[in-house]
Amino acid sequence: MLLNSLIPLVNWNLGTGIIMFFGLVCIALMLIVHNMISKGKKEESVKKDDAER
């Protein structure tokens, strides 16, 4: 019984760090895609305005 308390079977620190890193990567990718979409909409509206003139 003493042996089980001395040897931790799970290290939660590494898993938590990996999950946090994965979350940050996902948020960064979502912001990049959102930025690309918003730039594309601005360029389309500028092209339409130029075509109408």
N, C-alpha and C. Protein backbone atom coordinates (compact mmCIF):
# COMPACT_ATOMS: atom_id res chain seq x y z
N MET A 1 0.83 -1.20 0.00
CA MET A 1 0.00 0.00 0.00
C MET A 1 0.86 1.25 0.00
N LEU A 2 1.97 1.21 0.72
CA LEU A 2 2.87 2.36 0.77
C LEU A 2 3.50 2.62 -0.60
N LEU A 3 3.75 1.56 -1.34
CA LEU A 3 4.35 1.69 -2.67
C LEU A 3 3.42 2.45 -3.62
N ASN A 4 2.11 2.20 -3.53
CA ASN A 4 1.16 2.89 -4.39
C ASN A 4 1.11 4.38 -4.12
N SER A 5 1.28 4.79 -2.88
CA SER A 5 1.22 6.22 -2.58
C SER A 5 2.52 6.93 -2.95
N LEU A 6 3.61 6.19 -3.07
CA LEU A 6 4.89 6.81 -3.43
C LEU A 6 5.07 6.96 -4.94
N ILE A 7 4.42 6.13 -5.72
CA ILE A 7 4.57 6.16 -7.18
C ILE A 7 3.29 6.72 -7.79
N PRO A 8 3.32 7.98 -8.24
CA PRO A 8 2.12 8.51 -8.89
C PRO A 8 1.93 7.85 -10.27
N LEU A 9 0.75 7.40 -10.52
CA LEU A 9 0.47 6.71 -11.78
C LEU A 9 0.11 7.68 -12.90
N VAL A 10 -0.32 8.88 -12.55
CA VAL A 10 -0.76 9.85 -13.55
C VAL A 10 -0.10 11.18 -13.27
N ASN A 11 0.45 11.79 -14.28
CA ASN A 11 1.00 13.14 -14.17
C ASN A 11 0.07 14.08 -14.94
N TRP A 12 -0.75 14.82 -14.23
CA TRP A 12 -1.74 15.69 -14.87
C TRP A 12 -1.13 16.97 -15.42
N ASN A 13 0.05 17.36 -14.98
CA ASN A 13 0.63 18.62 -15.40
C ASN A 13 0.93 18.64 -16.90
N LEU A 14 1.51 17.58 -17.40
CA LEU A 14 1.85 17.53 -18.82
C LEU A 14 0.59 17.53 -19.68
N GLY A 15 -0.40 16.74 -19.31
CA GLY A 15 -1.64 16.69 -20.08
C GLY A 15 -2.36 18.02 -20.08
N THR A 16 -2.39 18.69 -18.94
CA THR A 16 -3.04 20.00 -18.85
C THR A 16 -2.32 21.01 -19.73
N GLY A 17 -1.01 20.96 -19.72
CA GLY A 17 -0.24 21.88 -20.56
C GLY A 17 -0.47 21.65 -22.04
N ILE A 18 -0.55 20.39 -22.43
CA ILE A 18 -0.79 20.07 -23.84
C ILE A 18 -2.18 20.53 -24.26
N ILE A 19 -3.17 20.32 -23.40
CA ILE A 19 -4.53 20.75 -23.72
C ILE A 19 -4.60 22.27 -23.83
N MET A 20 -3.92 22.98 -22.94
CA MET A 20 -3.91 24.45 -23.01
C MET A 20 -3.22 24.93 -24.29
N PHE A 21 -2.12 24.29 -24.65
CA PHE A 21 -1.43 24.66 -25.89
C PHE A 21 -2.32 24.40 -27.11
N PHE A 22 -3.00 23.25 -27.12
CA PHE A 22 -3.91 22.93 -28.22
C PHE A 22 -5.04 23.95 -28.31
N GLY A 23 -5.56 24.37 -27.17
CA GLY A 23 -6.61 25.39 -27.15
C GLY A 23 -6.12 26.71 -27.72
N LEU A 24 -4.91 27.11 -27.36
CA LEU A 24 -4.35 28.36 -27.89
C LEU A 24 -4.14 28.27 -29.40
N VAL A 25 -3.68 27.12 -29.87
CA VAL A 25 -3.49 26.95 -31.32
C VAL A 25 -4.84 27.03 -32.04
N CYS A 26 -5.87 26.41 -31.48
CA CYS A 26 -7.20 26.47 -32.09
C CYS A 26 -7.73 27.90 -32.14
N ILE A 27 -7.56 28.64 -31.07
CA ILE A 27 -8.02 30.03 -31.04
C ILE A 27 -7.26 30.86 -32.07
N ALA A 28 -5.95 30.66 -32.16
CA ALA A 28 -5.15 31.40 -33.14
C ALA A 28 -5.60 31.08 -34.57
N LEU A 29 -5.87 29.81 -34.85
CA LEU A 29 -6.33 29.44 -36.20
C LEU A 29 -7.69 30.04 -36.50
N MET A 30 -8.58 30.07 -35.52
CA MET A 30 -9.90 30.67 -35.75
C MET A 30 -9.77 32.17 -36.03
N LEU A 31 -8.88 32.85 -35.31
CA LEU A 31 -8.68 34.28 -35.55
C LEU A 31 -8.08 34.54 -36.93
N ILE A 32 -7.16 33.69 -37.36
CA ILE A 32 -6.56 33.84 -38.69
C ILE A 32 -7.62 33.65 -39.77
N VAL A 33 -8.45 32.62 -39.63
CA VAL A 33 -9.50 32.38 -40.63
C VAL A 33 -10.50 33.52 -40.64
N HIS A 34 -10.88 34.01 -39.46
CA HIS A 34 -11.82 35.13 -39.38
C HIS A 34 -11.24 36.37 -40.05
N ASN A 35 -9.95 36.61 -39.84
CA ASN A 35 -9.29 37.75 -40.46
C ASN A 35 -9.27 37.60 -41.98
N MET A 36 -9.00 36.40 -42.48
CA MET A 36 -8.98 36.17 -43.92
C MET A 36 -10.37 36.36 -44.52
N ILE A 37 -11.40 35.90 -43.83
CA ILE A 37 -12.77 36.04 -44.34
C ILE A 37 -13.17 37.51 -44.38
N SER A 38 -12.85 38.26 -43.33
CA SER A 38 -13.23 39.67 -43.30
C SER A 38 -12.48 40.47 -44.36
N LYS A 39 -11.22 40.12 -44.62
CA LYS A 39 -10.48 40.80 -45.68
C LYS A 39 -11.08 40.48 -47.04
N GLY A 40 -11.52 39.24 -47.24
CA GLY A 40 -12.13 38.85 -48.51
C GLY A 40 -13.42 39.59 -48.76
N LYS A 41 -14.21 39.81 -47.73
CA LYS A 41 -15.47 40.55 -47.89
C LYS A 41 -15.20 42.00 -48.25
N LYS A 42 -14.17 42.61 -47.63
CA LYS A 42 -13.84 44.00 -47.93
C LYS A 42 -13.38 44.14 -49.38
N GLU A 43 -12.56 43.19 -49.85
CA GLU A 43 -12.07 43.25 -51.23
C GLU A 43 -13.21 43.06 -52.22
N GLU A 44 -14.17 42.18 -51.92
CA GLU A 44 -15.30 41.97 -52.81
C GLU A 44 -16.15 43.22 -52.91
N SER A 45 -16.39 43.90 -51.78
CA SER A 45 -17.21 45.10 -51.81
C SER A 45 -16.50 46.21 -52.56
N VAL A 46 -15.18 46.30 -52.48
CA VAL A 46 -14.43 47.31 -53.22
C VAL A 46 -14.50 47.01 -54.70
N LYS A 47 -14.38 45.74 -55.10
CA LYS A 47 -14.47 45.37 -56.51
C LYS A 47 -15.86 45.67 -57.06
N LYS A 48 -16.91 45.39 -56.29
CA LYS A 48 -18.27 45.67 -56.74
C LYS A 48 -18.50 47.18 -56.89
N ASP A 49 -17.98 47.97 -55.96
CA ASP A 49 -18.13 49.41 -56.04
C ASP A 49 -17.42 49.96 -57.27
N ASP A 50 -16.24 49.43 -57.58
CA ASP A 50 -15.50 49.88 -58.76
C ASP A 50 -16.23 49.47 -60.05
N ALA A 51 -16.85 48.31 -60.06
CA ALA A 51 -17.56 47.84 -61.25
C ALA A 51 -18.82 48.66 -61.49
N GLU A 52 -19.45 49.13 -60.44
CA GLU A 52 -20.68 49.90 -60.58
C GLU A 52 -20.41 51.31 -61.08
N ARG A 53 -19.22 51.83 -60.87
CA ARG A 53 -18.92 53.22 -61.26
C ARG A 53 -18.57 53.30 -62.68
